[in-house]
C-alpha atoms as a PDB file:
ATOM      1  CA  UNK A   1      -0.357   0.208   0.046  1.00  0.00           C
ATOM      2  CA  UNK A   2       2.729   2.954   1.488  1.00  0.00           C
ATOM      3  CA  UNK A   3       4.106   1.948  -2.693  1.00  0.00           C
ATOM      4  CA  UNK A   4       1.526   2.813  -4.170  1.00  0.00           C
ATOM      5  CA  UNK A   5       1.167   5.932  -2.408  1.00  0.00           C
ATOM      6  CA  UNK A   6       4.880   6.807  -3.180  1.00  0.00           C
ATOM      7  CA  UNK A   7       3.967   5.988  -7.367  1.00  0.00           C
ATOM      8  CA  UNK A   8       1.030   7.611  -6.596  1.00  0.00           C
ATOM      9  CA  UNK A   9       3.069  11.419  -5.163  1.00  0.00           C
ATOM     10  CA  UNK A  10       6.256  10.851  -7.815  1.00  0.00           C
ATOM     11  CA  UNK A  11       3.018  10.859 -10.024  1.00  0.00           C
ATOM     12  CA  UNK A  12       1.468  14.093  -9.194  1.00  0.00           C
ATOM     13  CA  UNK A  13       5.187  15.565  -8.498  1.00  0.00           C
ATOM     14  CA  UNK A  14       6.180  15.182 -11.963  1.00  0.00           C
ATOM     15  CA  UNK A  15       3.076  15.869 -13.729  1.00  0.00           C
ATOM     16  CA  UNK A  16       3.868  19.215 -11.436  1.00  0.00           C
ATOM     17  CA  UNK A  17       7.133  19.821 -12.787  1.00  0.00           C
ATOM     18  CA  UNK A  18       5.748  19.564 -16.715  1.00  0.00           C
ATOM     19  CA  UNK A  19       3.255  21.927 -16.192  1.00  0.00           C
ATOM     20  CA  UNK A  20       5.584  24.338 -13.472  1.00  0.00           C
ATOM     21  CA  UNK A  21       7.880  24.806 -16.775  1.00  0.00           C
ATOM     22  CA  UNK A  22       5.661  25.515 -18.722  1.00  0.00           C
ATOM     23  CA  UNK A  23       5.292  28.340 -16.487  1.00  0.00           C
ATOM     24  CA  UNK A  24       8.322  29.746 -16.005  1.00  0.00           C
ATOM     25  CA  UNK A  25       8.416  29.462 -20.089  1.00  0.00           C
ATOM     26  CA  UNK A  26       5.418  32.119 -20.305  1.00  0.00           C
ATOM     27  CA  UNK A  27       6.383  34.064 -17.830  1.00  0.00           C
ATOM     28  CA  UNK A  28       9.777  35.317 -18.944  1.00  0.00           C
ATOM     29  CA  UNK A  29       9.973  34.711 -22.771  1.00  0.00           C
ATOM     30  CA  UNK A  30       6.151  35.445 -24.289  1.00  0.00           C
ATOM     31  CA  UNK A  31       5.476  38.995 -24.714  1.00  0.00           C
ATOM     32  CA  UNK A  32       2.700  40.584 -22.926  1.00  0.00           C
ATOM     33  CA  UNK A  33       0.239  39.944 -25.563  1.00  0.00           C
ATOM     34  CA  UNK A  34       0.816  36.743 -25.755  1.00  0.00           C
ATOM     35  CA  UNK A  35      -0.335  36.825 -21.858  1.00  0.00           C
ATOM     36  CA  UNK A  36      -3.052  38.421 -22.510  1.00  0.00           C
ATOM     37  CA  UNK A  37      -4.369  35.587 -25.036  1.00  0.00           C
ATOM     38  CA  UNK A  38      -6.517  32.545 -23.915  1.00  0.00           C
ATOM     39  CA  UNK A  39      -4.029  29.796 -24.089  1.00  0.00           C
ATOM     40  CA  UNK A  40      -2.187  31.558 -22.078  1.00  0.00           C
ATOM     41  CA  UNK A  41      -4.780  32.296 -20.131  1.00  0.00           C
ATOM     42  CA  UNK A  42      -5.406  28.193 -19.757  1.00  0.00           C
ATOM     43  CA  UNK A  43      -0.960  27.074 -19.664  1.00  0.00           C
ATOM     44  CA  UNK A  44      -1.407  29.938 -16.726  1.00  0.00           C
ATOM     45  CA  UNK A  45      -4.480  27.872 -14.722  1.00  0.00           C
ATOM     46  CA  UNK A  46      -2.285  25.247 -15.312  1.00  0.00           C
ATOM     47  CA  UNK A  47       0.326  26.414 -13.580  1.00  0.00           C
ATOM     48  CA  UNK A  48      -1.086  27.004 -10.945  1.00  0.00           C
ATOM     49  CA  UNK A  49      -3.507  24.108  -8.334  1.00  0.00           C
ATOM     50  CA  UNK A  50      -1.323  21.198  -9.961  1.00  0.00           C
ATOM     51  CA  UNK A  51       1.785  22.683  -9.140  1.00  0.00           C
ATOM     52  CA  UNK A  52       2.752  24.429  -6.176  1.00  0.00           C
ATOM     53  CA  UNK A  53       0.218  23.279  -4.192  1.00  0.00           C
ATOM     54  CA  UNK A  54       0.723  20.658  -4.570  1.00  0.00           C
ATOM     55  CA  UNK A  55       4.579  20.004  -3.731  1.00  0.00           C
ATOM     56  CA  UNK A  56       3.933  21.648  -1.153  1.00  0.00           C
ATOM     57  CA  UNK A  57       0.925  19.285   0.219  1.00  0.00           C
ATOM     58  CA  UNK A  58       3.227  15.761  -0.696  1.00  0.00           C
ATOM     59  CA  UNK A  59       6.184  17.838   1.466  1.00  0.00           C
ATOM     60  CA  UNK A  60       4.095  18.168   4.355  1.00  0.00           C
ATOM     61  CA  UNK A  61       2.463  14.782   3.926  1.00  0.00           C
ATOM     62  CA  UNK A  62       5.995  13.277   3.931  1.00  0.00           C
ATOM     63  CA  UNK A  63       7.569  15.370   7.235  1.00  0.00           C
ATOM     64  CA  UNK A  64       4.605  13.770   9.072  1.00  0.00           C
ATOM     65  CA  UNK A  65       4.902   9.924   8.187  1.00  0.00           C
ATOM     66  CA  UNK A  66       9.133  10.723   8.487  1.00  0.00           C
ATOM     67  CA  UNK A  67      11.115   9.406  11.110  1.00  0.00           C
ATOM     68  CA  UNK A  68      13.962  11.174  11.586  1.00  0.00           C
ATOM     69  CA  UNK A  69      14.746  13.635  14.753  1.00  0.00           C
ATOM     70  CA  UNK A  70      13.783  16.951  14.536  1.00  0.00           C
ATOM     71  CA  UNK A  71      17.501  18.058  14.052  1.00  0.00           C
ATOM     72  CA  UNK A  72      18.287  15.877  11.232  1.00  0.00           C
ATOM     73  CA  UNK A  73      14.252  17.144   9.349  1.00  0.00           C
ATOM     74  CA  UNK A  74      15.816  21.287  10.461  1.00  0.00           C
ATOM     75  CA  UNK A  75      19.109  20.399   8.950  1.00  0.00           C
ATOM     76  CA  UNK A  76      17.350  19.116   5.555  1.00  0.00           C
ATOM     77  CA  UNK A  77      15.528  22.783   6.369  1.00  0.00           C
ATOM     78  CA  UNK A  78      19.369  24.659   6.248  1.00  0.00           C
ATOM     79  CA  UNK A  79      20.275  23.022   3.041  1.00  0.00           C
ATOM     80  CA  UNK A  80      17.606  23.238   0.848  1.00  0.00           C
ATOM     81  CA  UNK A  81      17.456  28.031   1.875  1.00  0.00           C
ATOM     82  CA  UNK A  82      20.549  27.297   1.198  1.00  0.00           C
ATOM     83  CA  UNK A  83      20.180  25.778  -1.866  1.00  0.00           C
ATOM     84  CA  UNK A  84      17.812  28.419  -3.064  1.00  0.00           C
ATOM     85  CA  UNK A  85      20.044  31.471  -1.844  1.00  0.00           C
ATOM     86  CA  UNK A  86      22.586  29.885  -4.622  1.00  0.00           C
ATOM     87  CA  UNK A  87      20.302  28.955  -6.946  1.00  0.00           C
ATOM     88  CA  UNK A  88      19.521  31.882  -6.733  1.00  0.00           C
ATOM     89  CA  UNK A  89      22.466  33.630  -7.759  1.00  0.00           C
ATOM     90  CA  UNK A  90      22.799  30.605 -10.105  1.00  0.00           C
ATOM     91  CA  UNK A  91      19.702  31.112 -12.005  1.00  0.00           C
ATOM     92  CA  UNK A  92      20.716  35.289 -12.528  1.00  0.00           C
ATOM     93  CA  UNK A  93      23.965  34.433 -12.735  1.00  0.00           C
ATOM     94  CA  UNK A  94      24.031  36.376 -16.140  1.00  0.00           C
ATOM     95  CA  UNK A  95      22.068  39.317 -15.270  1.00  0.00           C
ATOM     96  CA  UNK A  96      24.172  39.949 -12.309  1.00  0.00           C
ATOM     97  CA  UNK A  97      26.918  40.086 -14.567  1.00  0.00           C
ATOM     98  CA  UNK A  98      24.936  42.339 -16.981  1.00  0.00           C
ATOM     99  CA  UNK A  99      24.134  44.415 -13.841  1.00  0.00           C
ATOM    100  CA  UNK A 100      27.617  44.386 -12.079  1.00  0.00           C
ATOM    101  CA  UNK A 101      28.516  45.949 -15.709  1.00  0.00           C
ATOM    102  CA  UNK A 102      26.282  48.273 -15.414  1.00  0.00           C
ATOM    103  CA  UNK A 103      24.889  46.940 -19.382  1.00  0.00           C
ATOM    104  CA  UNK A 104      21.395  46.541 -17.335  1.00  0.00           C
ATOM    105  CA  UNK A 105      20.314  48.992 -14.494  1.00  0.00           C
ATOM    106  CA  UNK A 106      18.308  46.993 -12.097  1.00  0.00           C
ATOM    107  CA  UNK A 107      18.620  46.879  -8.050  1.00  0.00           C
ATOM    108  CA  UNK A 108      20.543  43.604  -8.064  1.00  0.00           C
ATOM    109  CA  UNK A 109      19.254  42.355  -4.484  1.00  0.00           C
ATOM    110  CA  UNK A 110      15.258  41.553  -5.079  1.00  0.00           C
ATOM    111  CA  UNK A 111      17.131  38.354  -7.340  1.00  0.00           C
ATOM    112  CA  UNK A 112      19.788  37.789  -5.174  1.00  0.00           C
ATOM    113  CA  UNK A 113      16.780  37.019  -2.332  1.00  0.00           C
ATOM    114  CA  UNK A 114      14.114  36.627  -4.287  1.00  0.00           C
ATOM    115  CA  UNK A 115      11.364  34.140  -2.189  1.00  0.00           C
ATOM    116  CA  UNK A 116      11.678  31.339  -4.331  1.00  0.00           C
ATOM    117  CA  UNK A 117      10.430  27.757  -2.882  1.00  0.00           C
ATOM    118  CA  UNK A 118      12.869  26.299  -2.618  1.00  0.00           C
ATOM    119  CA  UNK A 119      13.884  29.412   0.402  1.00  0.00           C
ATOM    120  CA  UNK A 120       9.890  28.339   1.104  1.00  0.00           C
ATOM    121  CA  UNK A 121      10.291  25.162   1.520  1.00  0.00           C
ATOM    122  CA  UNK A 122      13.833  24.955   3.972  1.00  0.00           C
ATOM    123  CA  UNK A 123      11.637  27.203   6.208  1.00  0.00           C
ATOM    124  CA  UNK A 124       8.787  25.513   6.120  1.00  0.00           C
ATOM    125  CA  UNK A 125      10.826  22.067   6.956  1.00  0.00           C
ATOM    126  CA  UNK A 126      12.507  24.054   9.992  1.00  0.00           C
ATOM    127  CA  UNK A 127       9.069  25.341  11.119  1.00  0.00           C
ATOM    128  CA  UNK A 128       7.189  21.721  10.751  1.00  0.00           C
ATOM    129  CA  UNK A 129       9.993  20.275  12.218  1.00  0.00           C
ATOM    130  CA  UNK A 130      10.083  22.382  15.979  1.00  0.00           C
ATOM    131  CA  UNK A 131       6.054  22.422  15.937  1.00  0.00           C
ATOM    132  CA  UNK A 132       6.223  18.840  14.639  1.00  0.00           C
ATOM    133  CA  UNK A 133       4.598  17.037  18.147  1.00  0.00           C
ATOM    134  CA  UNK A 134       2.553  20.010  18.392  1.00  0.00           C
ATOM    135  CA  UNK A 135       0.715  19.420  15.177  1.00  0.00           C
ATOM    136  CA  UNK A 136       0.576  15.470  15.742  1.00  0.00           C
ATOM    137  CA  UNK A 137      -1.159  15.826  19.695  1.00  0.00           C
ATOM    138  CA  UNK A 138      -4.626  17.190  18.253  1.00  0.00           C
ATOM    139  CA  UNK A 139      -5.541  17.921  14.537  1.00  0.00           C
ATOM    140  CA  UNK A 140      -7.625  20.916  15.176  1.00  0.00           C
ATOM    141  CA  UNK A 141      -4.038  22.740  16.004  1.00  0.00           C
ATOM    142  CA  UNK A 142      -2.900  22.727  12.188  1.00  0.00           C
ATOM    143  CA  UNK A 143      -6.390  23.531  11.398  1.00  0.00           C
ATOM    144  CA  UNK A 144      -6.459  26.719  13.320  1.00  0.00           C
ATOM    145  CA  UNK A 145      -2.733  27.432  12.045  1.00  0.00           C
ATOM    146  CA  UNK A 146      -4.314  27.365   8.633  1.00  0.00           C
ATOM    147  CA  UNK A 147      -6.607  29.886   9.253  1.00  0.00           C
ATOM    148  CA  UNK A 148      -4.265  32.480  11.041  1.00  0.00           C
ATOM    149  CA  UNK A 149      -2.176  32.261   8.256  1.00  0.00           C
ATOM    150  CA  UNK A 150      -4.616  32.694   5.757  1.00  0.00           C
ATOM    151  CA  UNK A 151      -6.187  35.237   7.096  1.00  0.00           C
ATOM    152  CA  UNK A 152      -3.338  37.061   8.629  1.00  0.00           C
ATOM    153  CA  UNK A 153      -1.546  37.232   5.529  1.00  0.00           C
ATOM    154  CA  UNK A 154      -4.140  38.451   3.544  1.00  0.00           C
ATOM    155  CA  UNK A 155      -4.915  41.513   6.424  1.00  0.00           C
ATOM    156  CA  UNK A 156      -0.838  42.029   6.369  1.00  0.00           C
ATOM    157  CA  UNK A 157      -0.339  42.109   2.633  1.00  0.00           C
ATOM    158  CA  UNK A 158      -2.962  44.291   1.988  1.00  0.00           C
ATOM    159  CA  UNK A 159      -3.252  46.763   5.912  1.00  0.00           C
ATOM    160  CA  UNK A 160       0.861  46.468   6.856  1.00  0.00           C
ATOM    161  CA  UNK A 161       3.206  48.154   4.696  1.00  0.00           C
ATOM    162  CA  UNK A 162       7.290  47.067   4.377  1.00  0.00           C
ATOM    163  CA  UNK A 163       9.596  49.035   5.389  1.00  0.00           C
ATOM    164  CA  UNK A 164      12.286  49.446   3.480  1.00  0.00           C
ATOM    165  CA  UNK A 165      14.851  48.702   6.480  1.00  0.00           C
ATOM    166  CA  UNK A 166      13.343  44.752   6.411  1.00  0.00           C
ATOM    167  CA  UNK A 167      12.242  44.234   2.780  1.00  0.00           C
ATOM    168  CA  UNK A 168      14.055  41.194   2.414  1.00  0.00           C
ATOM    169  CA  UNK A 169      13.329  39.420   5.549  1.00  0.00           C
ATOM    170  CA  UNK A 170       9.724  40.744   5.864  1.00  0.00           C
ATOM    171  CA  UNK A 171       9.205  39.176   2.255  1.00  0.00           C
ATOM    172  CA  UNK A 172      10.040  35.555   3.810  1.00  0.00           C
ATOM    173  CA  UNK A 173       7.134  35.682   5.538  1.00  0.00           C
ATOM    174  CA  UNK A 174       4.593  38.153   3.898  1.00  0.00           C
ATOM    175  CA  UNK A 175       4.125  39.759   0.433  1.00  0.00           C
ATOM    176  CA  UNK A 176       3.741  42.723  -1.052  1.00  0.00           C
ATOM    177  CA  UNK A 177       7.586  43.400  -2.451  1.00  0.00           C
ATOM    178  CA  UNK A 178       7.477  41.643  -6.059  1.00  0.00           C
ATOM    179  CA  UNK A 179       9.914  39.784  -4.676  1.00  0.00           C
ATOM    180  CA  UNK A 180       8.083  37.612  -2.440  1.00  0.00           C
ATOM    181  CA  UNK A 181       6.729  34.537  -4.119  1.00  0.00           C
ATOM    182  CA  UNK A 182       6.648  32.338  -1.492  1.00  0.00           C
ATOM    183  CA  UNK A 183       6.192  33.600   2.034  1.00  0.00           C
ATOM    184  CA  UNK A 184       5.146  32.122   4.814  1.00  0.00           C
ATOM    185  CA  UNK A 185       1.265  32.889   4.334  1.00  0.00           C
ATOM    186  CA  UNK A 186      -0.021  31.753   2.990  1.00  0.00           C
ATOM    187  CA  UNK A 187       2.157  28.965   1.490  1.00  0.00           C
ATOM    188  CA  UNK A 188       2.198  27.642   4.933  1.00  0.00           C
ATOM    189  CA  UNK A 189      -1.037  26.476   4.538  1.00  0.00           C
ATOM    190  CA  UNK A 190      -0.760  23.929   2.317  1.00  0.00           C
ATOM    191  CA  UNK A 191       2.117  21.974   4.299  1.00  0.00           C
ATOM    192  CA  UNK A 192       0.384  21.928   7.069  1.00  0.00           C
ATOM    193  CA  UNK A 193      -2.443  20.611   4.836  1.00  0.00           C
ATOM    194  CA  UNK A 194      -0.597  17.436   4.163  1.00  0.00           C
ATOM    195  CA  UNK A 195      -0.105  16.419   7.773  1.00  0.00           C
ATOM    196  CA  UNK A 196      -3.797  17.047   8.345  1.00  0.00           C
ATOM    197  CA  UNK A 197      -3.949  14.719   5.202  1.00  0.00           C
ATOM    198  CA  UNK A 198      -1.252  12.040   6.818  1.00  0.00           C
ATOM    199  CA  UNK A 199      -3.212  12.286   9.973  1.00  0.00           C
ATOM    200  CA  UNK A 200      -5.966  11.556   8.475  1.00  0.00           C
ATOM    201  CA  UNK A 201      -4.901   8.353   6.365  1.00  0.00           C
ATOM    202  CA  UNK A 202      -4.116   6.932   9.922  1.00  0.00           C
ATOM    203  CA  UNK A 203      -7.145   6.666  10.774  1.00  0.00           C
ATOM    204  CA  UNK A 204      -7.533   3.794   8.291  1.00  0.00           C
ATOM    205  CA  UNK A 205     -11.303   4.984   7.482  1.00  0.00           C
ATOM    206  CA  UNK A 206     -12.510   2.231   5.533  1.00  0.00           C
ATOM    207  CA  UNK A 207     -14.976   2.245   2.517  1.00  0.00           C
ATOM    208  CA  UNK A 208     -14.802   0.827  -1.054  1.00  0.00           C
ATOM    209  CA  UNK A 209     -12.510   3.023  -2.690  1.00  0.00           C
ATOM    210  CA  UNK A 210     -13.145   0.708  -6.053  1.00  0.00           C
ATOM    211  CA  UNK A 211     -16.233   1.552  -6.241  1.00  0.00           C
ATOM    212  CA  UNK A 212     -17.087   2.282 -10.011  1.00  0.00           C
ATOM    213  CA  UNK A 213     -19.581   4.564  -8.784  1.00  0.00           C
ATOM    214  CA  UNK A 214     -17.919   6.683  -6.351  1.00  0.00           C
ATOM    215  CA  UNK A 215     -14.778   7.066  -9.266  1.00  0.00           C
ATOM    216  CA  UNK A 216     -18.184   7.935 -11.645  1.00  0.00           C
ATOM    217  CA  UNK A 217     -19.465  10.811  -9.214  1.00  0.00           C
ATOM    218  CA  UNK A 218     -16.171  12.293  -7.910  1.00  0.00           C
ATOM    219  CA  UNK A 219     -14.844  12.748 -11.030  1.00  0.00           C
ATOM    220  CA  UNK A 220     -18.185  14.433 -12.674  1.00  0.00           C
ATOM    221  CA  UNK A 221     -18.329  16.114  -9.625  1.00  0.00           C
ATOM    222  CA  UNK A 222     -14.880  17.109 -11.397  1.00  0.00           C
ATOM    223  CA  UNK A 223     -15.566  18.481 -13.764  1.00  0.00           C
ATOM    224  CA  UNK A 224     -18.695  20.266 -13.442  1.00  0.00           C
ATOM    225  CA  UNK A 225     -15.983  22.127 -10.860  1.00  0.00           C
ATOM    226  CA  UNK A 226     -13.808  23.236 -12.630  1.00  0.00           C
ATOM    227  CA  UNK A 227     -16.018  24.328 -15.407  1.00  0.00           C
ATOM    228  CA  UNK A 228     -18.284  26.839 -13.490  1.00  0.00           C
ATOM    229  CA  UNK A 229     -15.503  28.222 -11.443  1.00  0.00           C
ATOM    230  CA  UNK A 230     -12.157  27.955 -14.561  1.00  0.00           C
ATOM    231  CA  UNK A 231     -12.497  31.765 -14.885  1.00  0.00           C
ATOM    232  CA  UNK A 232     -12.240  33.149 -11.431  1.00  0.00           C
ATOM    233  CA  UNK A 233      -9.525  30.417 -10.705  1.00  0.00           C
ATOM    234  CA  UNK A 234      -7.602  31.418 -14.439  1.00  0.00           C
ATOM    235  CA  UNK A 235      -8.251  35.029 -13.212  1.00  0.00           C
ATOM    236  CA  UNK A 236      -5.895  34.581  -9.476  1.00  0.00           C
ATOM    237  CA  UNK A 237      -3.527  32.292 -11.910  1.00  0.00           C
ATOM    238  CA  UNK A 238      -3.196  34.349 -14.480  1.00  0.00           C
ATOM    239  CA  UNK A 239      -2.555  37.270 -12.194  1.00  0.00           C
ATOM    240  CA  UNK A 240       1.119  36.545 -10.909  1.00  0.00           C
ATOM    241  CA  UNK A 241       1.381  39.185  -7.298  1.00  0.00           C
ATOM    242  CA  UNK A 242      -2.908  37.595  -6.592  1.00  0.00           C
ATOM    243  CA  UNK A 243      -1.119  34.320  -6.902  1.00  0.00           C
ATOM    244  CA  UNK A 244       1.210  34.411  -5.105  1.00  0.00           C
ATOM    245  CA  UNK A 245      -0.198  36.072  -2.367  1.00  0.00           C
ATOM    246  CA  UNK A 246      -3.577  34.565  -2.297  1.00  0.00           C
ATOM    247  CA  UNK A 247      -5.766  34.284   0.850  1.00  0.00           C
ATOM    248  CA  UNK A 248      -8.366  31.716   2.445  1.00  0.00           C
ATOM    249  CA  UNK A 249     -10.590  31.809  -1.238  1.00  0.00           C
ATOM    250  CA  UNK A 250      -8.015  30.586  -3.378  1.00  0.00           C
ATOM    251  CA  UNK A 251      -6.737  27.891  -1.253  1.00  0.00           C
ATOM    252  CA  UNK A 252     -10.174  26.275  -0.956  1.00  0.00           C
ATOM    253  CA  UNK A 253     -10.515  26.284  -3.793  1.00  0.00           C
ATOM    254  CA  UNK A 254      -7.220  24.701  -4.775  1.00  0.00           C
ATOM    255  CA  UNK A 255      -7.489  21.995  -2.613  1.00  0.00           C
ATOM    256  CA  UNK A 256     -11.409  20.938  -4.149  1.00  0.00           C
ATOM    257  CA  UNK A 257      -9.305  20.654  -7.638  1.00  0.00           C
ATOM    258  CA  UNK A 258      -6.123  18.806  -6.065  1.00  0.00           C
ATOM    259  CA  UNK A 259      -8.698  16.326  -4.461  1.00  0.00           C
ATOM    260  CA  UNK A 260     -10.628  14.494  -6.877  1.00  0.00           C
ATOM    261  CA  UNK A 261      -6.927  15.358  -9.130  1.00  0.00           C
ATOM    262  CA  UNK A 262      -5.214  13.262  -6.983  1.00  0.00           C
ATOM    263  CA  UNK A 263      -7.640  10.227  -7.181  1.00  0.00           C
ATOM    264  CA  UNK A 264      -8.190  10.065 -11.187  1.00  0.00           C
ATOM    265  CA  UNK A 265      -4.646   9.946 -10.889  1.00  0.00           C
ATOM    266  CA  UNK A 266      -4.531   6.906  -8.640  1.00  0.00           C
ATOM    267  CA  UNK A 267      -6.692   5.345 -11.066  1.00  0.00           C
ATOM    268  CA  UNK A 268      -5.151   6.323 -14.231  1.00  0.00           C
ATOM    269  CA  UNK A 269      -1.413   4.781 -12.146  1.00  0.00           C
ATOM    270  CA  UNK A 270      -3.633   2.171 -11.636  1.00  0.00           C
ATOM    271  CA  UNK A 271      -4.218   1.441 -15.106  1.00  0.00           C
ATOM    272  CA  UNK A 272      -1.150   2.888 -17.582  1.00  0.00           C
ATOM    273  CA  UNK A 273       1.502   3.079 -14.975  1.00  0.00           C
ATOM    274  CA  UNK A 274       4.083   0.893 -16.170  1.00  0.00           C
ATOM    275  CA  UNK A 275       3.976   3.275 -19.842  1.00  0.00           C
ATOM    276  CA  UNK A 276       6.929   4.517 -20.705  1.00  0.00           C
ATOM    277  CA  UNK A 277       5.529   8.416 -20.637  1.00  0.00           C
ATOM    278  CA  UNK A 278       4.549   7.222 -16.967  1.00  0.00           C
ATOM    279  CA  UNK A 279       7.776   6.222 -15.990  1.00  0.00           C
ATOM    280  CA  UNK A 280       8.931   9.688 -17.540  1.00  0.00           C
ATOM    281  CA  UNK A 281       7.452  11.489 -15.161  1.00  0.00           C
ATOM    282  CA  UNK A 282       7.234   9.888 -11.988  1.00  0.00           C
ATOM    283  CA  UNK A 283      11.481   9.876 -12.279  1.00  0.00           C
ATOM    284  CA  UNK A 284      10.875  13.537 -12.761  1.00  0.00           C
ATOM    285  CA  UNK A 285       8.742  13.574  -9.299  1.00  0.00           C
ATOM    286  CA  UNK A 286      11.576  11.598  -8.090  1.00  0.00           C
ATOM    287  CA  UNK A 287      13.723  13.694  -8.904  1.00  0.00           C
ATOM    288  CA  UNK A 288      12.250  17.083  -8.309  1.00  0.00           C
ATOM    289  CA  UNK A 289      14.858  19.329  -6.975  1.00  0.00           C
ATOM    290  CA  UNK A 290      17.495  18.364  -9.126  1.00  0.00           C
ATOM    291  CA  UNK A 291      15.390  19.053 -12.394  1.00  0.00           C
ATOM    292  CA  UNK A 292      13.860  22.447 -10.506  1.00  0.00           C
ATOM    293  CA  UNK A 293      17.495  23.371  -9.873  1.00  0.00           C
ATOM    294  CA  UNK A 294      18.703  22.639 -13.659  1.00  0.00           C
ATOM    295  CA  UNK A 295      15.330  23.645 -15.764  1.00  0.00           C
ATOM    296  CA  UNK A 296      15.705  27.513 -13.729  1.00  0.00           C
ATOM    297  CA  UNK A 297      19.815  27.127 -14.857  1.00  0.00           C
ATOM    298  CA  UNK A 298      18.945  27.925 -18.434  1.00  0.00           C
ATOM    299  CA  UNK A 299      15.196  29.209 -17.919  1.00  0.00           C
ATOM    300  CA  UNK A 300      16.636  32.375 -15.683  1.00  0.00           C
ATOM    301  CA  UNK A 301      20.306  32.889 -17.686  1.00  0.00           C
ATOM    302  CA  UNK A 302      18.672  32.509 -21.081  1.00  0.00           C
ATOM    303  CA  UNK A 303      15.703  34.972 -19.911  1.00  0.00           C
ATOM    304  CA  UNK A 304      18.408  37.890 -19.134  1.00  0.00           C
ATOM    305  CA  UNK A 305      18.902  37.171 -23.400  1.00  0.00           C
ATOM    306  CA  UNK A 306      15.297  36.784 -24.434  1.00  0.00           C
ATOM    307  CA  UNK A 307      13.240  38.335 -22.023  1.00  0.00           C
ATOM    308  CA  UNK A 308       9.451  38.217 -23.156  1.00  0.00           C
ATOM    309  CA  UNK A 309      10.341  38.421 -26.698  1.00  0.00           C
ATOM    310  CA  UNK A 310       8.937  35.912 -27.987  1.00  0.00           C
ATOM    311  CA  UNK A 311       5.016  36.314 -29.530  1.00  0.00           C
ATOM    312  CA  UNK A 312       4.910  32.742 -32.223  1.00  0.00           C
ATOM    313  CA  UNK A 313       3.055  29.324 -30.156  1.00  0.00           C
ATOM    314  CA  UNK A 314       5.351  27.419 -32.809  1.00  0.00           C
ATOM    315  CA  UNK A 315       8.500  28.808 -31.127  1.00  0.00           C
ATOM    316  CA  UNK A 316       6.852  29.334 -27.113  1.00  0.00           C
ATOM    317  CA  UNK A 317       6.146  25.017 -27.733  1.00  0.00           C
ATOM    318  CA  UNK A 318       9.667  24.375 -29.025  1.00  0.00           C
ATOM    319  CA  UNK A 319      11.339  26.285 -25.841  1.00  0.00           C
ATOM    320  CA  UNK A 320       9.367  24.577 -24.161  1.00  0.00           C
ATOM    321  CA  UNK A 321       9.708  21.061 -24.791  1.00  0.00           C
ATOM    322  CA  UNK A 322      14.368  22.404 -25.591  1.00  0.00           C
ATOM    323  CA  UNK A 323      13.816  23.089 -21.900  1.00  0.00           C
ATOM    324  CA  UNK A 324      11.966  19.885 -20.556  1.00  0.00           C
ATOM    325  CA  UNK A 325      13.852  17.644 -22.710  1.00  0.00           C
ATOM    326  CA  UNK A 326      16.835  19.193 -21.887  1.00  0.00           C
ATOM    327  CA  UNK A 327      15.853  19.704 -17.828  1.00  0.00           C
ATOM    328  CA  UNK A 328      15.609  15.955 -18.098  1.00  0.00           C
ATOM    329  CA  UNK A 329      18.376  14.483 -19.614  1.00  0.00           C
ATOM    330  CA  UNK A 330      21.196  16.130 -17.750  1.00  0.00           C
ATOM    331  CA  UNK A 331      19.250  15.133 -14.774  1.00  0.00           C
ATOM    332  CA  UNK A 332      19.118  11.782 -15.830  1.00  0.00           C
ATOM    333  CA  UNK A 333      23.001  12.032 -16.581  1.00  0.00           C
ATOM    334  CA  UNK A 334      23.939  13.439 -12.882  1.00  0.00           C
ATOM    335  CA  UNK A 335      21.102  10.150 -11.520  1.00  0.00           C
ATOM    336  CA  UNK A 336      23.838   7.846 -13.010  1.00  0.00           C
ATOM    337  CA  UNK A 337      27.138   9.123 -12.118  1.00  0.00           C
ATOM    338  CA  UNK A 338      26.248   9.348  -9.000  1.00  0.00           C
ATOM    339  CA  UNK A 339      25.304   5.504  -8.823  1.00  0.00           C
ATOM    340  CA  UNK A 340      28.304   5.481 -10.558  1.00  0.00           C
ATOM    341  CA  UNK A 341      30.255   6.909  -7.838  1.00  0.00           C
ATOM    342  CA  UNK A 342      28.514   5.112  -5.249  1.00  0.00           C
ATOM    343  CA  UNK A 343      28.991   1.985  -7.022  1.00  0.00           C
ATOM    344  CA  UNK A 344      33.136   3.218  -6.890  1.00  0.00           C
ATOM    345  CA  UNK A 345      32.896   3.904  -2.870  1.00  0.00           C
ATOM    346  CA  UNK A 346      31.384   1.213  -2.098  1.00  0.00           C
ATOM    347  CA  UNK A 347      33.909  -1.320  -3.831  1.00  0.00           C
END
């Protein structure tokens, strides 16, 4: 049972990677005119709930399931945070060089301290490691924390201005600065949700999970739900500042979306989980951090040269596939190399 659950988690993360890369290409390579198109609206939609919220819910779930000590988990968080800072330097390396040479007139610090998802994940891992025993005692504790985080984030962003002196620190906690992409408020709500899901999973509530009628009802309700809420949800997902700093309403919508979505992927995995494409998707999911770093190094440094200059759907599609394929091949090569090195050390 556990093995199948991990496979579905890898599938969720792998599809999130595929959707994530196309959003990064869309955000940094395409013209503002293209970004207003119906196609771009759909792509932004696919890059919202199925991506970062999924990553963070899965992260929270497996943090809750982890048997590692608080110190070990905190160390993992520190490493993720450090990797996030290094990645900021790496993905913006070309831009930083041009700023240093005076070729581009920009403030370099928002790019160095941009609160991207790795930095957030590092902080979230540390916080949840410290609070884990408290979160496990009563399921209402994470529920209350989620409410505080979402409502508090909305209030602070709308009503409390960030002071210039502490902008780069405050941006890690709530977002009104343009470089605060994944502040703790609201994003910590998602790994906390993963904690809650794990607690429910431990109860082992019995029901007929394979009942055909249940799947039909859930999947049909899912498509009806998406059909009637697509416009409102896509308005948030294509407005990136609004998406990064969303509140309770979008969080609830994302959960309603992700539940049936995960159930659908579980059914798909049971049917065609061993096909070549599905194995590829799971590979992306298993190596999500490595893929994330590689694709950002490619996209970030390339974007400095062709920032928001593409308007042809064919060219955009080609660039997307090129980044996806190159990132996957480099990740596969590094995974193989790592296994080879470990074998040599074992001899």
